[in-house]
């Protein structure tokens, strides 16, 4: 099974629907996540990503972001990748 580690910037682009001068980053993140889902792959994230997201979102918003993805993208699954001290 394929696995993709999604970093904080992609999550933030998706959750905040961010844009820059040349790109709709939120749209690019959505396309990327949908491609992963279409491949029936697993998206990984770490405690580090969660902590970084909590500097932009509240803990509740982070939970909602992950739940929203699990509920709206077909075959989407999320696994916790525990980081080592």
Protein backbone atom coordinates (compact mmCIF):
# COMPACT_ATOMS: atom_id res chain seq x y z
CA UNK A 1 0.00 0.00 0.00
CA UNK A 2 1.30 3.43 -0.92
CA UNK A 3 1.82 5.96 1.85
CA UNK A 4 2.28 9.71 1.64
CA UNK A 5 3.60 11.92 4.40
CA UNK A 6 1.74 15.23 4.12
CA UNK A 7 3.58 18.17 5.66
CA UNK A 8 2.14 21.13 7.53
CA UNK A 9 2.11 23.48 4.54
CA UNK A 10 -0.15 21.21 2.50
CA UNK A 11 -2.56 20.80 5.42
CA UNK A 12 -2.58 24.58 5.96
CA UNK A 13 -3.08 25.25 2.23
CA UNK A 14 -6.05 22.89 2.28
CA UNK A 15 -7.56 24.12 5.55
CA UNK A 16 -7.08 27.83 4.90
CA UNK A 17 -7.60 27.69 1.11
CA UNK A 18 -4.41 29.72 0.76
CA UNK A 19 -3.26 31.49 -2.38
CA UNK A 20 -0.08 33.17 -3.54
CA UNK A 21 0.57 35.49 -6.48
CA UNK A 22 0.58 32.67 -9.01
CA UNK A 23 -1.26 29.68 -7.54
CA UNK A 24 -4.42 28.71 -5.72
CA UNK A 25 -2.61 26.64 -3.11
CA UNK A 26 -5.81 25.37 -1.49
CA UNK A 27 -6.98 24.01 -4.85
CA UNK A 28 -3.60 22.38 -5.49
CA UNK A 29 -3.72 20.74 -2.05
CA UNK A 30 -7.25 19.46 -2.73
CA UNK A 31 -6.20 17.98 -6.09
CA UNK A 32 -3.18 16.34 -4.45
CA UNK A 33 -5.25 14.82 -1.61
CA UNK A 34 -7.87 13.58 -4.09
CA UNK A 35 -5.16 11.91 -6.19
CA UNK A 36 -3.89 10.12 -3.11
CA UNK A 37 -7.42 9.01 -2.25
CA UNK A 38 -8.00 7.77 -5.81
CA UNK A 39 -4.94 5.53 -5.43
CA UNK A 40 -6.39 4.10 -2.19
CA UNK A 41 -3.21 5.23 -0.47
CA UNK A 42 -2.68 6.19 3.14
CA UNK A 43 -1.88 9.70 4.28
CA UNK A 44 0.54 9.93 7.17
CA UNK A 45 1.14 12.79 9.56
CA UNK A 46 3.23 13.17 12.68
CA UNK A 47 3.03 14.76 16.10
CA UNK A 48 5.29 17.47 14.71
CA UNK A 49 2.76 18.30 11.99
CA UNK A 50 -0.06 18.39 14.55
CA UNK A 51 1.91 20.75 16.78
CA UNK A 52 2.73 23.00 13.83
CA UNK A 53 -0.92 23.04 12.74
CA UNK A 54 -1.92 24.10 16.25
CA UNK A 55 0.08 27.30 15.73
CA UNK A 56 -2.34 28.18 12.90
CA UNK A 57 -5.53 26.38 13.98
CA UNK A 58 -7.09 25.55 17.34
CA UNK A 59 -6.94 21.91 18.47
CA UNK A 60 -10.63 21.60 17.63
CA UNK A 61 -10.05 22.98 14.11
CA UNK A 62 -7.24 20.47 13.56
CA UNK A 63 -9.56 17.63 14.59
CA UNK A 64 -12.29 18.98 12.30
CA UNK A 65 -9.85 19.28 9.40
CA UNK A 66 -8.81 15.64 9.72
CA UNK A 67 -12.39 14.46 10.28
CA UNK A 68 -13.61 16.49 7.31
CA UNK A 69 -11.08 14.79 5.07
CA UNK A 70 -11.95 11.33 6.34
CA UNK A 71 -15.65 12.00 5.73
CA UNK A 72 -15.43 13.66 2.31
CA UNK A 73 -12.63 11.99 0.37
CA UNK A 74 -13.40 8.42 -0.72
CA UNK A 75 -11.08 5.75 0.67
CA UNK A 76 -9.26 8.33 2.74
CA UNK A 77 -7.49 7.07 5.82
CA UNK A 78 -5.16 8.77 8.24
CA UNK A 79 -2.50 7.08 10.33
CA UNK A 80 -0.50 8.61 13.15
CA UNK A 81 3.21 8.39 12.56
CA UNK A 82 4.74 8.58 16.04
CA UNK A 83 7.90 10.63 16.18
CA UNK A 84 10.86 9.52 18.24
CA UNK A 85 12.43 11.75 20.89
